[in-house]
N, C-alpha and C. Protein backbone atom coordinates (compact mmCIF):
# COMPACT_ATOMS: atom_id res chain seq x y z
N MET A 1 78.70 100.62 74.49
CA MET A 1 79.38 101.98 74.11
C MET A 1 79.81 102.55 75.34
N ILE A 2 80.36 102.89 75.25
CA ILE A 2 82.03 103.91 76.66
C ILE A 2 81.90 105.69 75.63
N GLN A 3 81.23 106.91 76.65
CA GLN A 3 81.58 107.98 75.85
C GLN A 3 82.72 108.32 76.20
N SER A 4 83.64 109.21 75.72
CA SER A 4 84.86 110.09 76.86
C SER A 4 85.43 111.04 76.39
N ASN A 5 85.68 111.69 76.81
CA ASN A 5 86.19 114.08 76.93
C ASN A 5 87.41 113.47 77.68
N ILE A 6 88.21 113.83 76.42
CA ILE A 6 89.40 114.51 76.38
C ILE A 6 89.84 115.93 76.34
N ASN A 7 89.91 116.74 77.21
CA ASN A 7 90.62 117.58 76.42
C ASN A 7 89.52 118.08 76.25
N ASP A 8 88.38 118.50 76.86
CA ASP A 8 86.83 119.20 76.03
C ASP A 8 86.56 118.57 75.12
N THR A 9 86.69 117.43 74.05
CA THR A 9 86.84 116.71 73.01
C THR A 9 85.48 115.73 73.24
N SER A 10 84.43 115.27 72.79
CA SER A 10 84.01 114.29 73.57
C SER A 10 84.31 113.24 71.99
N PHE A 11 84.16 111.69 72.61
CA PHE A 11 84.54 111.01 71.89
C PHE A 11 83.41 109.40 72.25
N ALA A 12 82.91 108.70 71.23
CA ALA A 12 81.64 107.84 71.29
C ALA A 12 82.47 106.44 71.01
N ILE A 13 82.64 105.33 71.86
CA ILE A 13 83.59 104.52 71.07
C ILE A 13 82.87 103.22 71.97
N GLU A 14 83.31 102.31 70.87
CA GLU A 14 82.43 101.44 70.78
C GLU A 14 83.44 99.90 70.75
N LEU A 15 83.39 98.74 70.99
CA LEU A 15 84.44 97.49 71.43
C LEU A 15 84.15 96.29 70.62
N ASP A 16 83.68 95.38 69.09
CA ASP A 16 83.52 94.93 69.09
C ASP A 16 84.01 94.07 70.28
N LYS A 17 83.22 92.83 70.29
CA LYS A 17 83.36 91.51 71.37
C LYS A 17 85.00 90.89 71.32
N ASP A 18 85.45 90.64 70.16
CA ASP A 18 86.84 90.27 70.22
C ASP A 18 87.97 91.62 70.91
N GLY A 19 87.51 92.72 70.70
CA GLY A 19 88.62 93.95 71.46
C GLY A 19 89.43 94.53 70.86
N LYS A 20 89.50 94.21 69.71
CA LYS A 20 90.59 94.23 68.95
C LYS A 20 90.03 95.40 67.47
N ASN A 21 89.31 95.13 67.35
CA ASN A 21 87.95 96.29 66.71
C ASN A 21 86.82 97.70 67.40
N GLY A 22 86.48 98.43 66.41
CA GLY A 22 85.54 98.58 67.34
C GLY A 22 85.27 100.41 65.96
N SER A 23 84.94 100.81 66.78
CA SER A 23 84.21 102.21 66.17
C SER A 23 84.25 103.56 67.55
N ILE A 24 85.20 104.93 66.38
CA ILE A 24 85.79 105.71 67.35
C ILE A 24 83.99 107.11 66.86
N ASN A 25 83.77 107.31 66.91
CA ASN A 25 82.56 108.36 65.86
C ASN A 25 82.42 107.92 64.97
N GLY A 26 82.03 106.87 65.32
CA GLY A 26 81.81 106.04 63.50
C GLY A 26 82.29 105.47 62.72
N ASP A 27 84.28 106.36 63.61
CA ASP A 27 84.74 105.87 62.35
C ASP A 27 85.51 104.30 62.79
N ARG A 28 85.86 103.81 62.43
CA ARG A 28 86.14 101.89 62.36
C ARG A 28 87.49 101.56 62.41
N PHE A 29 88.34 101.24 63.16
CA PHE A 29 89.38 101.32 63.71
C PHE A 29 90.03 100.06 63.92
N SER A 30 91.26 98.86 64.53
CA SER A 30 91.60 97.63 64.59
C SER A 30 93.23 98.03 65.48
N TRP A 31 93.42 97.34 66.64
CA TRP A 31 94.39 97.85 66.93
C TRP A 31 94.87 96.80 68.13
N ASP A 32 96.46 96.81 68.08
CA ASP A 32 96.94 95.22 69.39
C ASP A 32 97.29 96.32 70.77
N LEU A 33 96.05 95.82 71.44
CA LEU A 33 96.79 96.27 72.69
C LEU A 33 97.72 95.41 73.95
N LEU A 34 98.71 95.44 74.59
CA LEU A 34 99.51 94.92 75.07
C LEU A 34 99.74 95.24 76.30
N PRO A 35 100.17 94.65 76.59
CA PRO A 35 99.32 94.52 78.61
C PRO A 35 101.33 95.05 79.25
N VAL A 36 101.70 95.91 78.86
CA VAL A 36 103.17 95.76 79.95
C VAL A 36 103.97 95.35 81.48
N SER A 37 103.11 96.20 81.91
CA SER A 37 102.75 96.02 83.55
C SER A 37 101.06 96.40 84.31
N ALA A 38 101.38 97.03 84.87
CA ALA A 38 100.39 96.61 85.95
C ALA A 38 99.31 97.60 85.07
N ASN A 39 99.88 99.10 85.33
CA ASN A 39 99.94 100.87 84.44
C ASN A 39 99.91 100.59 82.94
N ARG A 40 100.59 100.06 82.88
CA ARG A 40 101.56 100.14 81.20
C ARG A 40 100.63 98.97 79.98
N PHE A 41 100.71 100.14 78.44
CA PHE A 41 100.14 99.39 78.12
C PHE A 41 100.81 99.54 76.49
N SER A 42 101.16 98.88 75.68
CA SER A 42 101.94 99.37 74.31
C SER A 42 100.28 98.84 73.20
N ILE A 43 100.30 99.91 72.14
CA ILE A 43 98.97 100.02 71.97
C ILE A 43 99.55 99.58 70.00
N LEU A 44 99.02 99.57 69.13
CA LEU A 44 99.52 99.59 67.99
C LEU A 44 98.25 99.34 67.34
N ARG A 45 98.33 100.53 66.26
CA ARG A 45 97.03 101.48 65.75
C ARG A 45 98.06 102.29 64.08
N ASN A 46 97.61 101.79 63.19
CA ASN A 46 97.41 102.55 62.08
C ASN A 46 99.57 102.37 61.93
N ASN A 47 100.02 101.26 61.59
CA ASN A 47 101.55 100.86 62.03
C ASN A 47 102.04 102.50 62.53
N LYS A 48 101.22 102.79 64.02
CA LYS A 48 101.58 103.96 65.26
C LYS A 48 101.94 103.59 66.26
N SER A 49 102.60 103.15 66.97
CA SER A 49 102.60 102.70 68.52
C SER A 49 102.59 104.00 69.59
N PHE A 50 102.12 103.40 70.03
CA PHE A 50 101.61 104.31 71.44
C PHE A 50 102.23 103.34 72.77
N ASN A 51 102.69 104.14 73.92
CA ASN A 51 102.84 104.22 75.33
C ASN A 51 102.29 104.56 76.10
N VAL A 52 101.41 103.80 76.72
CA VAL A 52 100.11 104.37 77.44
C VAL A 52 100.87 103.71 79.39
N ILE A 53 100.40 104.96 80.14
CA ILE A 53 100.77 105.13 81.32
C ILE A 53 99.78 105.86 82.04
N ILE A 54 98.82 104.26 83.19
CA ILE A 54 97.76 105.06 83.91
C ILE A 54 98.41 105.79 84.72
N GLU A 55 98.59 106.90 84.75
CA GLU A 55 99.05 107.54 86.49
C GLU A 55 98.07 107.33 87.50
N SER A 56 96.63 107.39 86.94
CA SER A 56 95.68 107.64 88.41
C SER A 56 94.50 107.57 87.75
N ARG A 57 93.43 107.36 88.30
CA ARG A 57 92.11 106.33 88.57
C ARG A 57 91.35 106.80 89.29
N ASP A 58 90.47 107.41 89.11
CA ASP A 58 89.07 107.92 89.92
C ASP A 58 87.73 106.80 89.78
N THR A 59 88.06 106.01 90.33
CA THR A 59 87.01 104.81 90.59
C THR A 59 85.23 106.26 90.62
N GLU A 60 85.33 107.13 90.89
CA GLU A 60 84.00 107.66 92.08
C GLU A 60 83.08 108.63 90.53
N THR A 61 84.69 109.20 89.50
CA THR A 61 83.99 110.48 89.42
C THR A 61 84.41 109.89 87.42
N ASN A 62 84.79 107.95 87.83
CA ASN A 62 85.22 107.53 86.26
C ASN A 62 86.61 108.64 85.78
N THR A 63 87.56 109.61 86.59
CA THR A 63 88.41 109.94 85.36
C THR A 63 89.96 109.40 85.71
N LEU A 64 89.91 109.20 83.99
CA LEU A 64 91.91 108.65 84.07
C LEU A 64 92.96 109.20 83.84
N ILE A 65 94.42 109.29 84.35
CA ILE A 65 95.12 110.51 83.64
C ILE A 65 95.98 110.22 83.74
N LEU A 66 96.11 109.90 82.03
CA LEU A 66 97.08 108.85 81.72
C LEU A 66 98.04 109.43 80.46
N ARG A 67 99.13 108.55 80.34
CA ARG A 67 100.24 109.60 79.39
C ARG A 67 100.35 108.73 78.56
N ILE A 68 100.07 109.68 77.66
CA ILE A 68 100.17 108.71 75.85
C ILE A 68 102.11 109.35 75.22
N ASN A 69 102.98 108.44 75.12
CA ASN A 69 103.84 108.88 74.05
C ASN A 69 105.25 110.39 74.87
N GLY A 70 104.59 109.94 76.50
CA GLY A 70 104.82 111.35 76.92
C GLY A 70 104.09 112.19 77.32
N LYS A 71 102.53 112.78 76.59
CA LYS A 71 101.94 113.48 76.42
C LYS A 71 100.49 113.45 78.24
N LYS A 72 100.61 113.71 78.94
CA LYS A 72 100.01 113.69 79.83
C LYS A 72 98.06 114.38 79.17
N LEU A 73 96.65 113.39 79.00
CA LEU A 73 96.01 113.44 79.41
C LEU A 73 95.73 113.10 79.74
N VAL A 74 93.93 114.32 80.77
CA VAL A 74 92.65 113.60 81.00
C VAL A 74 91.54 113.13 80.61
N VAL A 75 91.46 111.59 81.15
CA VAL A 75 90.16 111.63 80.59
C VAL A 75 88.57 111.38 81.02
N ASN A 76 88.39 111.36 81.05
CA ASN A 76 86.65 110.79 81.53
C ASN A 76 85.92 110.25 80.75
N THR A 77 85.16 109.01 81.25
CA THR A 77 84.14 107.89 80.71
C THR A 77 82.94 108.05 81.80
N LYS A 78 82.62 107.65 80.42
CA LYS A 78 80.81 107.47 80.14
C LYS A 78 80.91 105.73 80.58
N ASP A 79 80.31 104.37 80.81
CA ASP A 79 79.95 103.64 80.35
C ASP A 79 78.86 104.07 79.92
N LYS A 80 78.02 102.59 79.30
CA LYS A 80 76.37 102.31 79.27
C LYS A 80 75.74 102.73 80.12
N MET A 81 76.06 102.27 81.28
CA MET A 81 74.99 102.04 82.50
C MET A 81 74.59 103.60 82.64
N THR A 82 75.67 103.89 82.98
CA THR A 82 75.77 105.63 83.27
C THR A 82 75.48 106.57 82.18
N LEU A 83 75.19 106.58 81.20
CA LEU A 83 74.52 107.26 79.59
C LEU A 83 73.22 106.89 79.98
N LEU A 84 72.47 105.65 80.24
CA LEU A 84 70.95 105.32 80.42
C LEU A 84 70.65 106.39 81.69
N LEU A 85 71.61 105.54 82.39
CA LEU A 85 70.99 106.64 84.14
C LEU A 85 70.11 107.77 83.77
N GLU A 86 71.66 108.97 83.07
CA GLU A 86 71.56 110.33 82.85
C GLU A 86 70.86 110.64 82.32
N SER A 87 70.54 109.49 80.86
CA SER A 87 69.11 109.78 79.66
C SER A 87 67.77 110.01 80.53
N MET A 88 67.36 109.11 81.62
CA MET A 88 66.41 109.58 82.28
C MET A 88 66.58 110.25 83.88
N GLY A 89 67.10 111.57 83.46
CA GLY A 89 67.82 111.87 84.51
C GLY A 89 67.87 112.17 85.55
N LEU A 90 68.77 110.70 85.94
CA LEU A 90 69.09 110.48 87.52
C LEU A 90 70.62 110.65 87.05
N ASN A 91 71.68 110.38 87.43
CA ASN A 91 72.73 111.04 88.29
C ASN A 91 73.76 109.77 88.53
N ALA A 92 74.33 108.58 88.09
CA ALA A 92 74.87 107.76 88.92
C ALA A 92 75.70 108.41 89.54
N SER A 93 77.19 109.30 89.14
CA SER A 93 78.20 109.97 90.25
C SER A 93 77.66 110.47 91.58
N ILE A 94 76.22 111.23 91.41
CA ILE A 94 75.97 111.96 92.49
C ILE A 94 75.26 110.39 93.93
N SER A 95 75.82 110.54 95.40
CA SER A 95 76.08 109.28 96.03
C SER A 95 75.68 110.34 97.24
N LYS A 96 74.99 109.52 98.03
CA LYS A 96 74.26 110.15 98.42
C LYS A 96 74.59 111.07 99.77
N LYS A 97 74.52 111.93 100.00
CA LYS A 97 75.09 112.75 101.06
C LYS A 97 75.03 112.11 102.30
N ILE A 98 76.40 112.36 103.36
CA ILE A 98 75.93 110.94 104.14
C ILE A 98 76.53 112.32 105.41
N ASN A 99 74.96 112.52 106.19
CA ASN A 99 75.13 112.96 108.00
C ASN A 99 75.44 113.29 109.07
N GLU A 100 75.77 111.97 108.43
CA GLU A 100 76.28 110.95 109.89
C GLU A 100 76.77 110.06 109.91
N VAL A 101 77.31 109.65 111.09
CA VAL A 101 78.15 108.30 111.17
C VAL A 101 77.35 107.49 112.51
N LYS A 102 76.95 105.75 111.84
CA LYS A 102 76.70 104.89 113.07
C LYS A 102 77.63 104.49 113.55
N ALA A 103 77.17 103.14 114.71
CA ALA A 103 77.89 101.98 115.48
C ALA A 103 78.15 101.07 114.52
N PRO A 104 79.44 100.72 113.74
CA PRO A 104 78.55 99.58 113.01
C PRO A 104 78.36 98.03 114.22
N MET A 105 78.40 98.51 115.66
CA MET A 105 77.99 97.78 116.02
C MET A 105 78.00 98.18 117.54
N PRO A 106 77.41 97.25 118.57
CA PRO A 106 77.19 98.28 119.70
C PRO A 106 77.77 97.86 120.33
N GLY A 107 78.52 98.56 121.44
CA GLY A 107 79.70 99.06 121.85
C GLY A 107 79.80 99.89 123.44
N LEU A 108 80.64 100.59 123.69
CA LEU A 108 81.72 101.60 124.35
C LEU A 108 82.04 102.14 123.87
N VAL A 109 82.08 103.83 124.10
CA VAL A 109 82.22 104.65 123.30
C VAL A 109 83.78 105.25 125.00
N LEU A 110 85.21 104.95 124.05
CA LEU A 110 86.25 104.83 125.00
C LEU A 110 86.98 106.22 125.01
N ARG A 111 86.59 107.16 123.36
CA ARG A 111 86.89 108.16 122.99
C ARG A 111 86.70 109.62 122.12
N ALA A 112 86.41 109.95 122.40
CA ALA A 112 86.10 110.86 121.43
C ALA A 112 87.44 111.46 120.27
N LEU A 113 87.80 111.59 119.11
CA LEU A 113 89.16 112.39 118.43
C LEU A 113 89.40 113.55 117.99
N VAL A 114 87.82 113.67 117.49
CA VAL A 114 87.70 114.82 117.80
C VAL A 114 86.63 115.95 118.98
N ALA A 115 86.63 117.25 117.59
CA ALA A 115 85.24 118.38 118.71
C ALA A 115 84.35 118.57 118.12
N GLU A 116 83.29 119.08 118.13
CA GLU A 116 82.74 119.47 117.09
C GLU A 116 83.17 121.15 116.85
N GLY A 117 82.46 121.20 115.72
CA GLY A 117 83.67 121.79 115.09
C GLY A 117 84.08 122.13 113.65
N ASP A 118 85.01 120.72 114.54
CA ASP A 118 86.34 120.03 113.45
C ASP A 118 86.28 119.70 112.02
N GLU A 119 87.31 120.22 111.72
CA GLU A 119 86.99 119.50 109.55
C GLU A 119 87.90 118.36 109.81
N VAL A 120 86.97 117.37 109.16
CA VAL A 120 87.94 115.74 108.68
C VAL A 120 87.44 115.70 107.19
N LYS A 121 88.60 114.70 106.93
CA LYS A 121 88.62 114.59 105.71
C LYS A 121 88.71 113.16 105.82
N LYS A 122 88.53 112.36 104.33
CA LYS A 122 87.69 111.09 105.02
C LYS A 122 88.64 109.98 105.10
N GLY A 123 88.69 109.23 106.27
CA GLY A 123 89.75 108.16 106.32
C GLY A 123 90.51 109.30 107.37
N ASP A 124 89.60 110.58 107.91
CA ASP A 124 90.05 111.12 109.31
C ASP A 124 89.39 110.25 110.49
N SER A 125 90.27 109.52 111.87
CA SER A 125 89.88 109.16 112.75
C SER A 125 88.46 109.70 113.73
N LEU A 126 87.69 109.69 113.55
CA LEU A 126 86.66 109.91 114.28
C LEU A 126 86.28 109.90 115.96
N LEU A 127 86.97 108.05 116.16
CA LEU A 127 86.21 107.65 117.64
C LEU A 127 86.87 106.53 117.80
N VAL A 128 86.89 106.21 119.06
CA VAL A 128 87.49 104.55 118.73
C VAL A 128 86.45 104.02 119.96
N LEU A 129 85.79 102.95 120.13
CA LEU A 129 84.65 102.29 120.52
C LEU A 129 85.44 100.39 120.53
N GLU A 130 85.12 100.77 121.82
CA GLU A 130 85.46 99.11 121.37
C GLU A 130 83.96 98.26 121.63
N ALA A 131 84.35 96.85 121.51
CA ALA A 131 83.63 95.89 121.28
C ALA A 131 83.76 94.85 121.32
N MET A 132 83.89 93.24 122.39
CA MET A 132 84.23 92.38 122.30
C MET A 132 85.52 92.18 122.91
N LYS A 133 86.37 93.59 123.80
CA LYS A 133 87.07 93.41 124.29
C LYS A 133 88.54 94.24 123.11
N MET A 134 87.68 94.57 122.13
CA MET A 134 88.89 95.30 121.27
C MET A 134 88.79 96.67 120.81
N GLU A 135 89.47 97.24 120.68
CA GLU A 135 89.30 98.42 120.13
C GLU A 135 88.96 98.87 119.15
N ASN A 136 88.12 100.10 118.17
CA ASN A 136 87.54 99.78 116.99
C ASN A 136 88.50 101.43 116.02
N VAL A 137 88.35 102.02 115.86
CA VAL A 137 88.56 102.92 115.16
C VAL A 137 87.65 103.72 113.67
N ILE A 138 86.84 104.35 114.24
CA ILE A 138 85.83 104.31 112.99
C ILE A 138 86.83 106.06 112.50
N LYS A 139 85.94 105.90 111.93
CA LYS A 139 86.69 106.62 110.58
C LYS A 139 85.84 107.25 109.94
N SER A 140 85.99 108.67 108.87
CA SER A 140 85.37 109.70 108.45
C SER A 140 84.95 108.94 106.82
N PRO A 141 83.69 108.62 106.01
CA PRO A 141 83.93 108.21 104.99
C PRO A 141 83.47 109.49 104.40
N VAL A 142 83.91 110.56 104.48
CA VAL A 142 83.08 112.43 104.01
C VAL A 142 84.15 112.81 104.48
N ASP A 143 84.24 114.13 103.35
CA ASP A 143 85.51 115.49 104.02
C ASP A 143 84.70 116.21 104.71
N ALA A 144 84.21 116.39 105.98
CA ALA A 144 82.46 117.04 106.10
C ALA A 144 83.61 117.77 107.69
N ILE A 145 82.64 118.95 108.53
CA ILE A 145 83.18 119.36 109.11
C ILE A 145 81.95 118.74 110.49
N VAL A 146 82.91 118.52 111.96
CA VAL A 146 81.43 117.75 112.91
C VAL A 146 80.52 118.90 113.94
N SER A 147 79.45 118.27 113.62
CA SER A 147 78.06 118.88 113.27
C SER A 147 78.06 118.76 115.38
N LYS A 148 77.96 117.56 115.79
CA LYS A 148 78.12 116.87 116.56
C LYS A 148 78.38 115.97 117.42
N ILE A 149 78.35 115.76 117.85
CA ILE A 149 78.90 114.54 119.03
C ILE A 149 77.87 113.97 119.90
N PRO A 150 76.78 113.02 119.94
CA PRO A 150 76.01 112.47 120.92
C PRO A 150 75.84 111.71 122.10
N VAL A 151 77.55 111.51 121.74
CA VAL A 151 77.92 110.69 122.34
C VAL A 151 79.21 110.73 123.62
N ARG A 152 78.70 110.34 125.11
CA ARG A 152 80.20 110.83 125.51
C ARG A 152 80.94 109.58 126.08
N GLN A 153 82.68 110.16 126.09
CA GLN A 153 83.38 109.01 126.68
C GLN A 153 82.35 107.83 127.89
N GLY A 154 82.20 106.37 127.12
CA GLY A 154 81.96 106.42 128.19
C GLY A 154 80.70 105.26 128.64
N GLN A 155 80.46 106.36 127.21
CA GLN A 155 78.95 105.40 127.45
C GLN A 155 79.10 104.46 126.40
N ALA A 156 77.69 102.98 126.52
CA ALA A 156 77.66 101.84 126.07
C ALA A 156 76.51 102.59 124.87
N VAL A 157 76.90 102.19 122.94
CA VAL A 157 75.55 102.15 122.60
C VAL A 157 75.51 101.00 122.27
N GLU A 158 74.36 101.58 121.24
CA GLU A 158 73.58 100.33 120.41
C GLU A 158 74.42 100.12 118.87
N LYS A 159 74.01 99.17 118.07
CA LYS A 159 74.59 99.28 116.68
C LYS A 159 73.89 99.83 115.91
N ASN A 160 74.51 100.81 114.71
CA ASN A 160 73.26 101.50 114.15
C ASN A 160 72.95 103.33 115.32
N GLN A 161 72.95 103.53 116.26
CA GLN A 161 73.92 104.23 116.94
C GLN A 161 73.70 105.24 116.38
N VAL A 162 73.77 107.04 116.47
CA VAL A 162 74.27 107.76 116.13
C VAL A 162 75.14 108.12 116.31
N LEU A 163 77.39 108.46 115.81
CA LEU A 163 77.83 108.85 116.85
C LEU A 163 78.47 110.25 115.75
N ILE A 164 79.26 110.06 115.53
CA ILE A 164 79.22 111.65 114.73
C ILE A 164 78.28 112.40 113.74
N GLN A 165 77.38 113.68 113.93
CA GLN A 165 76.70 114.18 112.67
C GLN A 165 77.53 115.34 111.86
N PHE A 166 77.68 115.32 110.81
CA PHE A 166 78.21 116.24 110.04
C PHE A 166 76.92 117.90 109.06
N SER A 167 77.79 118.97 109.47
CA SER A 167 76.88 119.63 108.62
C SER A 167 77.36 119.71 107.33
């Protein structure tokens, strides 16, 4: 089962194994789904044709932005596993807060690209680490504020040694 929320309306969707039949909130349906390209689909249901474009997909929040026959819809989905985890009081979408970045390998700190107090975005370059004669740019895994840089330029570090701390 998939639970979808579209414009604050909830739908329970179940598809049969064939993928051509199923139910929405208990009402049976059948459809023909034809992929047109990677993000475009043509759907025929109850003698009506729908052109569907997936404009964006966020796998972390399970959110799709669709354009169906020109109308934009924001769709949030929860699959069977997510619903099960929520029923047990767990939230699959809550990820562990990342408070630090550790060295992925032993190496030498060539230079820090940020300073304490800097605000960084996910993917921003934080530090350059030399390992085996190669320069490796260490990037931020999250949006955060740099609270401490416990290493200095020219310092040798071991694998899993803390390079940057976030607040």
